[in-house]
Amino acid sequence: MSYVRDTGLGRARQRRHRRSTIVVVLAAVLVVVGLVLAVSYITTRSNGASAATCQTSTQTLPQGSFVLNVYNASSDTGRAKRIALAMDSRGFDVGVVSNDPYGESLSGVGQVRFGPAGAAYAKKYVAQYMPGAQLMQDGRTGTSVDLVLGEQAPNITAVTQSPIAESTTCSSASVVG
């Protein structure tokens, strides 16, 4: 009786051949799927589908175009800082935050101080947050406005979303392929 010695090389060759076949089939499937997607993308774009082009631009709000100084003329410590943070959250360009440089103690709502160049800003943008405040024009040059807080000044809370003016412009263009 004789027997055949098997070294296992034949089985290894079969496994290698089977593995190669699987890899080639998977690669062919991926190529076909890629071609189908490419053709469908090209035909959809060339069928007159429009491509919208949008541009977003950020603009400075008017209240950010002048400096707002916030002064405390009340006995409430830290009030100027709290109001300054609230005004900053509303888009104002806050400058100096301190006690009143004139050393006044105001029992009413407060004062809005401004020069001739800042009168429009003070009346239009600042006075609305301080109803009942005295509007006082002084001899300063420039557009800066001082918000002086008295004992009865209202609390202004900070806003959570920034009031940045954004405008979006979209144009629709047909793509011809």
N, C-alpha and C. Protein backbone atom coordinates (compact mmCIF):
# COMPACT_ATOMS: atom_id res chain seq x y z
N MET A 1 0.80 -1.14 0.00
CA MET A 1 0.00 0.00 0.00
C MET A 1 0.87 1.24 0.00
N SER A 2 0.41 2.19 -0.74
CA SER A 2 1.17 3.44 -0.79
C SER A 2 0.24 4.60 -0.43
N TYR A 3 0.81 5.55 0.08
CA TYR A 3 0.00 6.73 0.42
C TYR A 3 0.69 7.97 -0.15
N VAL A 4 -0.13 8.98 -0.36
CA VAL A 4 0.37 10.21 -0.96
C VAL A 4 0.68 11.20 0.16
N ARG A 5 1.87 11.71 0.03
CA ARG A 5 2.25 12.72 1.02
C ARG A 5 1.70 14.08 0.59
N ASP A 6 0.99 14.72 1.46
CA ASP A 6 0.41 16.03 1.14
C ASP A 6 1.15 17.08 1.96
N THR A 7 1.73 18.05 1.24
CA THR A 7 2.47 19.11 1.93
C THR A 7 1.57 20.30 2.26
N GLY A 8 0.36 20.35 1.75
CA GLY A 8 -0.57 21.44 2.03
C GLY A 8 -0.46 22.60 1.07
N LEU A 9 0.45 22.50 0.10
CA LEU A 9 0.61 23.60 -0.85
C LEU A 9 -0.59 23.75 -1.76
N GLY A 10 -1.23 22.68 -2.10
CA GLY A 10 -2.40 22.73 -2.97
C GLY A 10 -3.56 23.47 -2.30
N ARG A 11 -3.76 23.18 -1.03
CA ARG A 11 -4.83 23.87 -0.30
C ARG A 11 -4.51 25.35 -0.15
N ALA A 12 -3.28 25.68 0.06
CA ALA A 12 -2.88 27.09 0.19
C ALA A 12 -3.12 27.82 -1.12
N ARG A 13 -2.81 27.15 -2.25
CA ARG A 13 -3.05 27.75 -3.55
C ARG A 13 -4.54 28.01 -3.77
N GLN A 14 -5.40 27.11 -3.35
CA GLN A 14 -6.85 27.28 -3.50
C GLN A 14 -7.35 28.46 -2.66
N ARG A 15 -6.85 28.58 -1.44
CA ARG A 15 -7.26 29.70 -0.59
C ARG A 15 -6.83 31.03 -1.19
N ARG A 16 -5.60 31.08 -1.72
CA ARG A 16 -5.10 32.30 -2.35
C ARG A 16 -5.95 32.67 -3.55
N HIS A 17 -6.31 31.70 -4.36
CA HIS A 17 -7.12 31.92 -5.55
C HIS A 17 -8.52 32.42 -5.15
N ARG A 18 -9.10 31.83 -4.12
CA ARG A 18 -10.42 32.23 -3.65
C ARG A 18 -10.38 33.67 -3.12
N ARG A 19 -9.34 34.02 -2.36
CA ARG A 19 -9.18 35.36 -1.82
C ARG A 19 -9.01 36.38 -2.93
N SER A 20 -8.24 36.09 -3.93
CA SER A 20 -8.03 36.99 -5.06
C SER A 20 -9.33 37.23 -5.81
N THR A 21 -10.12 36.18 -5.98
CA THR A 21 -11.39 36.32 -6.68
C THR A 21 -12.33 37.25 -5.91
N ILE A 22 -12.39 37.11 -4.59
CA ILE A 22 -13.26 37.95 -3.77
C ILE A 22 -12.83 39.42 -3.86
N VAL A 23 -11.54 39.68 -3.80
CA VAL A 23 -11.03 41.06 -3.87
C VAL A 23 -11.35 41.68 -5.23
N VAL A 24 -11.17 40.93 -6.31
CA VAL A 24 -11.45 41.44 -7.65
C VAL A 24 -12.94 41.74 -7.81
N VAL A 25 -13.81 40.86 -7.31
CA VAL A 25 -15.25 41.08 -7.41
C VAL A 25 -15.66 42.32 -6.62
N LEU A 26 -15.15 42.49 -5.39
CA LEU A 26 -15.48 43.67 -4.59
C LEU A 26 -15.00 44.95 -5.26
N ALA A 27 -13.81 44.94 -5.84
CA ALA A 27 -13.30 46.11 -6.54
C ALA A 27 -14.18 46.45 -7.73
N ALA A 28 -14.62 45.44 -8.47
CA ALA A 28 -15.49 45.67 -9.62
C ALA A 28 -16.82 46.27 -9.19
N VAL A 29 -17.38 45.78 -8.09
CA VAL A 29 -18.65 46.31 -7.58
C VAL A 29 -18.48 47.78 -7.19
N LEU A 30 -17.39 48.13 -6.51
CA LEU A 30 -17.14 49.52 -6.13
C LEU A 30 -16.99 50.43 -7.35
N VAL A 31 -16.32 49.96 -8.38
CA VAL A 31 -16.16 50.75 -9.60
C VAL A 31 -17.52 50.99 -10.26
N VAL A 32 -18.35 49.96 -10.33
CA VAL A 32 -19.67 50.10 -10.95
C VAL A 32 -20.54 51.08 -10.15
N VAL A 33 -20.53 50.97 -8.83
CA VAL A 33 -21.31 51.88 -7.99
C VAL A 33 -20.81 53.32 -8.18
N GLY A 34 -19.51 53.51 -8.22
CA GLY A 34 -18.95 54.84 -8.45
C GLY A 34 -19.36 55.43 -9.78
N LEU A 35 -19.34 54.61 -10.83
CA LEU A 35 -19.76 55.08 -12.15
C LEU A 35 -21.23 55.46 -12.18
N VAL A 36 -22.08 54.65 -11.54
CA VAL A 36 -23.51 54.95 -11.51
C VAL A 36 -23.76 56.27 -10.78
N LEU A 37 -23.10 56.48 -9.66
CA LEU A 37 -23.26 57.74 -8.93
C LEU A 37 -22.76 58.93 -9.74
N ALA A 38 -21.63 58.78 -10.41
CA ALA A 38 -21.09 59.88 -11.22
C ALA A 38 -22.03 60.23 -12.37
N VAL A 39 -22.56 59.23 -13.03
CA VAL A 39 -23.47 59.48 -14.16
C VAL A 39 -24.75 60.14 -13.66
N SER A 40 -25.29 59.68 -12.54
CA SER A 40 -26.53 60.29 -12.03
C SER A 40 -26.28 61.73 -11.57
N TYR A 41 -25.13 62.03 -11.03
CA TYR A 41 -24.80 63.39 -10.61
C TYR A 41 -24.68 64.31 -11.83
N ILE A 42 -24.00 63.83 -12.85
CA ILE A 42 -23.81 64.64 -14.06
C ILE A 42 -25.13 64.89 -14.76
N THR A 43 -25.97 63.88 -14.88
CA THR A 43 -27.23 64.06 -15.59
C THR A 43 -28.19 64.94 -14.80
N THR A 44 -28.15 64.90 -13.47
CA THR A 44 -29.02 65.76 -12.68
C THR A 44 -28.59 67.21 -12.81
N ARG A 45 -27.30 67.47 -12.81
CA ARG A 45 -26.78 68.83 -12.92
C ARG A 45 -27.03 69.42 -14.31
N SER A 46 -26.99 68.59 -15.33
CA SER A 46 -27.14 69.11 -16.69
C SER A 46 -28.59 69.19 -17.14
N ASN A 47 -29.53 68.74 -16.32
CA ASN A 47 -30.94 68.81 -16.69
C ASN A 47 -31.55 70.16 -16.37
N GLY A 48 -30.74 71.17 -16.14
CA GLY A 48 -31.26 72.51 -15.88
C GLY A 48 -31.48 72.80 -14.42
N ALA A 49 -30.91 72.00 -13.54
CA ALA A 49 -31.04 72.28 -12.12
C ALA A 49 -30.28 73.56 -11.82
N SER A 50 -30.85 74.38 -10.98
CA SER A 50 -30.20 75.65 -10.70
C SER A 50 -29.34 75.52 -9.46
N ALA A 51 -28.23 76.21 -9.50
CA ALA A 51 -27.32 76.23 -8.36
C ALA A 51 -27.46 77.59 -7.70
N ALA A 52 -27.81 77.59 -6.43
CA ALA A 52 -27.98 78.85 -5.72
C ALA A 52 -26.66 79.24 -5.08
N THR A 53 -26.27 80.47 -5.29
CA THR A 53 -25.06 81.00 -4.70
C THR A 53 -25.48 82.01 -3.64
N CYS A 54 -25.10 81.75 -2.40
CA CYS A 54 -25.49 82.64 -1.31
C CYS A 54 -24.25 83.23 -0.67
N GLN A 55 -24.33 84.51 -0.35
CA GLN A 55 -23.26 85.20 0.34
C GLN A 55 -23.85 85.85 1.57
N THR A 56 -23.18 85.67 2.71
CA THR A 56 -23.62 86.28 3.95
C THR A 56 -22.63 87.38 4.31
N SER A 57 -23.13 88.56 4.57
CA SER A 57 -22.26 89.66 4.96
C SER A 57 -22.70 90.17 6.32
N THR A 58 -21.71 90.50 7.14
CA THR A 58 -21.97 91.02 8.47
C THR A 58 -21.75 92.52 8.46
N GLN A 59 -22.72 93.25 8.98
CA GLN A 59 -22.63 94.70 9.02
C GLN A 59 -22.58 95.16 10.47
N THR A 60 -21.89 96.27 10.70
CA THR A 60 -21.85 96.85 12.03
C THR A 60 -23.18 97.55 12.30
N LEU A 61 -23.75 97.27 13.45
CA LEU A 61 -25.00 97.92 13.82
C LEU A 61 -24.73 99.38 14.14
N PRO A 62 -25.70 100.26 13.97
CA PRO A 62 -25.48 101.68 14.22
C PRO A 62 -25.02 101.99 15.64
N GLN A 63 -25.51 101.24 16.64
CA GLN A 63 -25.08 101.52 18.00
C GLN A 63 -23.63 101.12 18.26
N GLY A 64 -23.02 100.40 17.33
CA GLY A 64 -21.61 100.06 17.46
C GLY A 64 -20.71 101.07 16.77
N SER A 65 -21.28 102.12 16.20
CA SER A 65 -20.48 103.09 15.45
C SER A 65 -20.07 104.29 16.30
N PHE A 66 -20.37 104.28 17.59
CA PHE A 66 -19.91 105.33 18.50
C PHE A 66 -19.54 104.67 19.83
N VAL A 67 -18.74 105.37 20.63
CA VAL A 67 -18.30 104.83 21.92
C VAL A 67 -19.29 105.24 23.00
N LEU A 68 -19.71 104.25 23.79
CA LEU A 68 -20.62 104.49 24.91
C LEU A 68 -19.84 104.28 26.20
N ASN A 69 -19.70 105.35 26.99
CA ASN A 69 -19.07 105.27 28.30
C ASN A 69 -20.17 105.11 29.35
N VAL A 70 -19.97 104.21 30.30
CA VAL A 70 -20.99 103.96 31.32
C VAL A 70 -20.41 104.34 32.69
N TYR A 71 -21.10 105.27 33.37
CA TYR A 71 -20.65 105.78 34.66
C TYR A 71 -21.71 105.51 35.72
N ASN A 72 -21.25 105.23 36.94
CA ASN A 72 -22.14 104.98 38.06
C ASN A 72 -22.20 106.23 38.95
N ALA A 73 -23.39 106.79 39.12
CA ALA A 73 -23.60 107.93 40.02
C ALA A 73 -24.63 107.54 41.08
N SER A 74 -24.66 106.25 41.40
CA SER A 74 -25.59 105.76 42.42
C SER A 74 -24.79 105.08 43.53
N SER A 75 -25.48 104.65 44.57
CA SER A 75 -24.80 103.97 45.68
C SER A 75 -24.66 102.47 45.43
N ASP A 76 -25.19 101.97 44.33
CA ASP A 76 -25.14 100.54 43.99
C ASP A 76 -23.78 100.21 43.37
N THR A 77 -22.94 99.55 44.13
CA THR A 77 -21.60 99.20 43.67
C THR A 77 -21.66 98.16 42.55
N GLY A 78 -20.94 98.39 41.48
CA GLY A 78 -20.86 97.45 40.37
C GLY A 78 -21.96 97.60 39.33
N ARG A 79 -22.83 98.57 39.52
CA ARG A 79 -23.96 98.76 38.60
C ARG A 79 -23.46 99.15 37.20
N ALA A 80 -22.46 100.01 37.12
CA ALA A 80 -21.95 100.44 35.81
C ALA A 80 -21.39 99.25 35.04
N LYS A 81 -20.73 98.36 35.73
CA LYS A 81 -20.16 97.18 35.06
C LYS A 81 -21.26 96.28 34.52
N ARG A 82 -22.30 96.04 35.33
CA ARG A 82 -23.41 95.19 34.88
C ARG A 82 -24.12 95.79 33.67
N ILE A 83 -24.39 97.09 33.73
CA ILE A 83 -25.08 97.75 32.61
C ILE A 83 -24.17 97.78 31.38
N ALA A 84 -22.88 97.99 31.58
CA ALA A 84 -21.94 98.01 30.45
C ALA A 84 -21.91 96.65 29.75
N LEU A 85 -21.93 95.57 30.51
CA LEU A 85 -21.96 94.23 29.90
C LEU A 85 -23.25 94.02 29.12
N ALA A 86 -24.36 94.51 29.66
CA ALA A 86 -25.64 94.38 28.97
C ALA A 86 -25.64 95.19 27.68
N MET A 87 -25.10 96.39 27.73
CA MET A 87 -25.06 97.24 26.53
C MET A 87 -24.11 96.65 25.48
N ASP A 88 -23.02 96.07 25.95
CA ASP A 88 -22.09 95.42 25.03
C ASP A 88 -22.77 94.24 24.33
N SER A 89 -23.57 93.49 25.06
CA SER A 89 -24.27 92.35 24.46
C SER A 89 -25.31 92.80 23.44
N ARG A 90 -25.70 94.05 23.50
CA ARG A 90 -26.68 94.60 22.57
C ARG A 90 -26.03 95.31 21.39
N GLY A 91 -24.71 95.17 21.25
CA GLY A 91 -24.02 95.70 20.08
C GLY A 91 -23.36 97.05 20.27
N PHE A 92 -23.39 97.61 21.47
CA PHE A 92 -22.76 98.90 21.71
C PHE A 92 -21.25 98.72 21.86
N ASP A 93 -20.50 99.74 21.44
CA ASP A 93 -19.05 99.77 21.60
C ASP A 93 -18.78 100.47 22.93
N VAL A 94 -18.65 99.68 24.00
CA VAL A 94 -18.50 100.24 25.34
C VAL A 94 -17.06 100.66 25.55
N GLY A 95 -16.88 101.91 26.02
CA GLY A 95 -15.54 102.44 26.29
C GLY A 95 -15.22 102.36 27.77
N VAL A 96 -15.25 103.51 28.45
CA VAL A 96 -14.89 103.60 29.87
C VAL A 96 -16.07 103.15 30.74
N VAL A 97 -15.76 102.34 31.75
CA VAL A 97 -16.75 101.93 32.75
C VAL A 97 -16.16 102.31 34.10
N SER A 98 -16.82 103.26 34.79
CA SER A 98 -16.26 103.77 36.03
C SER A 98 -17.33 104.51 36.81
N ASN A 99 -16.91 105.13 37.93
CA ASN A 99 -17.79 106.04 38.65
C ASN A 99 -17.85 107.36 37.89
N ASP A 100 -18.88 108.15 38.16
CA ASP A 100 -19.08 109.41 37.46
C ASP A 100 -17.86 110.32 37.63
N PRO A 101 -17.24 110.75 36.53
CA PRO A 101 -16.05 111.60 36.65
C PRO A 101 -16.36 112.97 37.27
N TYR A 102 -17.61 113.42 37.24
CA TYR A 102 -17.98 114.69 37.87
C TYR A 102 -18.26 114.51 39.36
N GLY A 103 -18.28 113.28 39.84
CA GLY A 103 -18.49 112.99 41.25
C GLY A 103 -19.91 113.25 41.73
N GLU A 104 -20.85 113.32 40.81
CA GLU A 104 -22.24 113.59 41.19
C GLU A 104 -22.89 112.32 41.74
N SER A 105 -23.89 112.54 42.58
CA SER A 105 -24.73 111.45 43.06
C SER A 105 -26.14 111.77 42.60
N LEU A 106 -26.65 110.98 41.67
CA LEU A 106 -27.94 111.26 41.05
C LEU A 106 -29.04 110.43 41.70
N SER A 107 -30.10 111.10 42.15
CA SER A 107 -31.20 110.38 42.79
C SER A 107 -32.23 109.89 41.78
N GLY A 108 -32.27 110.47 40.60
CA GLY A 108 -33.24 110.07 39.58
C GLY A 108 -32.73 108.90 38.74
N VAL A 109 -33.25 108.82 37.52
CA VAL A 109 -32.88 107.74 36.61
C VAL A 109 -31.42 107.87 36.18
N GLY A 110 -31.01 109.07 35.83
CA GLY A 110 -29.64 109.28 35.40
C GLY A 110 -29.57 110.33 34.32
N GLN A 111 -28.43 110.36 33.63
CA GLN A 111 -28.20 111.34 32.58
C GLN A 111 -27.59 110.66 31.37
N VAL A 112 -27.88 111.22 30.20
CA VAL A 112 -27.22 110.83 28.97
C VAL A 112 -26.50 112.08 28.49
N ARG A 113 -25.16 112.04 28.52
CA ARG A 113 -24.35 113.20 28.15
C ARG A 113 -23.73 112.96 26.79
N PHE A 114 -23.67 114.03 25.99
CA PHE A 114 -23.18 113.90 24.62
C PHE A 114 -22.76 115.26 24.09
N GLY A 115 -21.98 115.26 23.03
CA GLY A 115 -21.61 116.48 22.33
C GLY A 115 -22.48 116.66 21.11
N PRO A 116 -22.27 117.75 20.37
CA PRO A 116 -23.10 118.00 19.19
C PRO A 116 -23.04 116.86 18.16
N ALA A 117 -21.88 116.25 18.00
CA ALA A 117 -21.75 115.17 17.01
C ALA A 117 -22.41 113.87 17.47
N GLY A 118 -22.58 113.70 18.76
CA GLY A 118 -23.18 112.47 19.28
C GLY A 118 -24.63 112.60 19.67
N ALA A 119 -25.24 113.76 19.40
CA ALA A 119 -26.63 114.00 19.82
C ALA A 119 -27.59 112.99 19.20
N ALA A 120 -27.44 112.74 17.93
CA ALA A 120 -28.36 111.80 17.25
C ALA A 120 -28.22 110.40 17.83
N TYR A 121 -26.98 109.96 18.10
CA TYR A 121 -26.76 108.63 18.68
C TYR A 121 -27.37 108.54 20.07
N ALA A 122 -27.17 109.58 20.88
CA ALA A 122 -27.69 109.57 22.25
C ALA A 122 -29.20 109.48 22.27
N LYS A 123 -29.84 110.27 21.42
CA LYS A 123 -31.31 110.32 21.43
C LYS A 123 -31.93 109.08 20.80
N LYS A 124 -31.30 108.57 19.75
CA LYS A 124 -31.91 107.45 19.02
C LYS A 124 -31.60 106.09 19.65
N TYR A 125 -30.37 105.89 20.14
CA TYR A 125 -29.97 104.55 20.57
C TYR A 125 -29.82 104.38 22.08
N VAL A 126 -29.37 105.42 22.79
CA VAL A 126 -29.10 105.26 24.22
C VAL A 126 -30.32 105.61 25.07
N ALA A 127 -31.01 106.70 24.74
CA ALA A 127 -32.13 107.18 25.56
C ALA A 127 -33.25 106.15 25.69
N GLN A 128 -33.41 105.28 24.71
CA GLN A 128 -34.48 104.29 24.79
C GLN A 128 -34.27 103.29 25.92
N TYR A 129 -33.03 103.10 26.36
CA TYR A 129 -32.75 102.18 27.47
C TYR A 129 -32.88 102.87 28.83
N MET A 130 -32.95 104.20 28.83
CA MET A 130 -33.03 104.97 30.07
C MET A 130 -34.20 105.95 30.02
N PRO A 131 -35.43 105.46 29.97
CA PRO A 131 -36.56 106.39 29.92
C PRO A 131 -36.60 107.26 31.17
N GLY A 132 -36.74 108.56 30.96
CA GLY A 132 -36.77 109.50 32.08
C GLY A 132 -35.41 110.09 32.40
N ALA A 133 -34.37 109.67 31.72
CA ALA A 133 -33.04 110.22 31.97
C ALA A 133 -32.93 111.61 31.36
N GLN A 134 -32.12 112.46 31.98
CA GLN A 134 -31.88 113.81 31.46
C GLN A 134 -30.94 113.72 30.27
N LEU A 135 -31.30 114.37 29.17
CA LEU A 135 -30.41 114.46 28.01
C LEU A 135 -29.62 115.75 28.16
N MET A 136 -28.29 115.64 28.26
CA MET A 136 -27.45 116.81 28.52
C MET A 136 -26.36 116.91 27.47
N GLN A 137 -26.41 118.00 26.70
CA GLN A 137 -25.37 118.23 25.70
C GLN A 137 -24.25 119.03 26.36
N ASP A 138 -23.01 118.55 26.17
CA ASP A 138 -21.86 119.26 26.72
C ASP A 138 -20.95 119.70 25.57
N GLY A 139 -19.79 120.19 25.88
CA GLY A 139 -18.93 120.77 24.86
C GLY A 139 -17.93 119.80 24.26
N ARG A 140 -18.13 118.52 24.39
CA ARG A 140 -17.16 117.55 23.88
C ARG A 140 -17.15 117.52 22.35
N THR A 141 -16.04 117.10 21.81
CA THR A 141 -15.95 116.85 20.37
C THR A 141 -16.01 115.35 20.16
N GLY A 142 -16.46 114.94 19.04
CA GLY A 142 -16.56 113.51 18.77
C GLY A 142 -17.96 113.00 19.03
N THR A 143 -18.14 111.72 18.76
CA THR A 143 -19.48 111.12 18.83
C THR A 143 -19.71 110.30 20.09
N SER A 144 -18.79 110.32 21.04
CA SER A 144 -18.97 109.49 22.24
C SER A 144 -20.16 109.97 23.05
N VAL A 145 -20.78 109.02 23.75
CA VAL A 145 -21.95 109.29 24.58
C VAL A 145 -21.69 108.69 25.96
N ASP A 146 -22.04 109.46 27.01
CA ASP A 146 -21.90 108.97 28.38
C ASP A 146 -23.27 108.59 28.92
N LEU A 147 -23.35 107.41 29.49
CA LEU A 147 -24.57 106.96 30.17
C LEU A 147 -24.26 106.97 31.66
N VAL A 148 -24.87 107.91 32.39
CA VAL A 148 -24.62 108.07 33.82
C VAL A 148 -25.82 107.52 34.57
N LEU A 149 -25.59 106.51 35.39
CA LEU A 149 -26.66 105.78 36.07
C LEU A 149 -26.97 106.38 37.43
N GLY A 150 -28.23 106.73 37.66
CA GLY A 150 -28.68 107.25 38.95
C GLY A 150 -29.27 106.14 39.80
N GLU A 151 -29.81 106.54 40.96
CA GLU A 151 -30.39 105.57 41.90
C GLU A 151 -31.57 104.82 41.31
N GLN A 152 -32.36 105.46 40.45
CA GLN A 152 -33.56 104.85 39.91
C GLN A 152 -33.37 104.34 38.48
N ALA A 153 -32.15 104.16 38.07
CA ALA A 153 -31.88 103.66 36.71
C ALA A 153 -32.41 102.23 36.58
N PRO A 154 -33.07 101.94 35.47
CA PRO A 154 -33.59 100.58 35.29
C PRO A 154 -32.46 99.58 35.07
N ASN A 155 -32.72 98.35 35.47
CA ASN A 155 -31.75 97.29 35.20
C ASN A 155 -31.90 96.85 33.75
N ILE A 156 -30.81 96.79 33.06
CA ILE A 156 -30.80 96.35 31.66
C ILE A 156 -30.12 94.99 31.66
N THR A 157 -30.80 94.00 31.13
CA THR A 157 -30.23 92.65 31.13
C THR A 157 -29.50 92.39 29.82
N ALA A 158 -28.51 91.54 29.90
CA ALA A 158 -27.75 91.16 28.71
C ALA A 158 -28.59 90.23 27.85
N VAL A 159 -28.39 90.32 26.55
CA VAL A 159 -29.07 89.41 25.63
C VAL A 159 -28.14 88.25 25.33
N THR A 160 -28.72 87.08 25.09
CA THR A 160 -27.89 85.89 24.87
C THR A 160 -27.40 85.78 23.44
N GLN A 161 -28.16 86.30 22.48
CA GLN A 161 -27.72 86.25 21.10
C GLN A 161 -27.22 87.62 20.69
N SER A 162 -26.08 87.62 20.02
CA SER A 162 -25.49 88.87 19.57
C SER A 162 -26.36 89.52 18.49
N PRO A 163 -26.62 90.81 18.61
CA PRO A 163 -27.48 91.47 17.63
C PRO A 163 -26.71 91.93 16.39
N ILE A 164 -25.93 91.04 15.80
CA ILE A 164 -25.16 91.39 14.61
C ILE A 164 -26.07 91.33 13.41
N ALA A 165 -26.03 92.37 12.64
CA ALA A 165 -26.88 92.43 11.44
C ALA A 165 -26.24 91.61 10.34
N GLU A 166 -26.91 90.57 9.94
CA GLU A 166 -26.41 89.75 8.84
C GLU A 166 -27.41 89.82 7.71
N SER A 167 -26.88 89.97 6.51
CA SER A 167 -27.76 89.94 5.35
C SER A 167 -27.28 88.84 4.43
N THR A 168 -28.22 88.08 3.93
CA THR A 168 -27.90 86.98 3.03
C THR A 168 -28.43 87.31 1.65
N THR A 169 -27.54 87.24 0.67
CA THR A 169 -27.93 87.50 -0.71
C THR A 169 -27.74 86.22 -1.49
N CYS A 170 -28.80 85.73 -2.11
CA CYS A 170 -28.74 84.51 -2.91
C CYS A 170 -29.09 84.83 -4.35
N SER A 171 -28.34 84.23 -5.24
CA SER A 171 -28.67 84.36 -6.66
C SER A 171 -28.75 82.97 -7.25
N SER A 172 -29.69 82.77 -8.13
CA SER A 172 -29.90 81.47 -8.74
C SER A 172 -29.38 81.50 -10.16
N ALA A 173 -28.51 80.55 -10.49
CA ALA A 173 -27.96 80.49 -11.83
C ALA A 173 -28.15 79.08 -12.38
N SER A 174 -28.59 78.98 -13.60
CA SER A 174 -28.76 77.66 -14.22
C SER A 174 -27.43 77.15 -14.69
N VAL A 175 -27.19 75.87 -14.43
CA VAL A 175 -25.96 75.24 -14.86
C VAL A 175 -26.24 74.52 -16.16
N VAL A 176 -25.50 74.87 -17.17
CA VAL A 176 -25.67 74.21 -18.46
C VAL A 176 -24.47 73.32 -18.66
N GLY A 177 -24.72 72.04 -18.87
CA GLY A 177 -23.61 71.09 -18.96
C GLY A 177 -23.39 70.71 -20.31
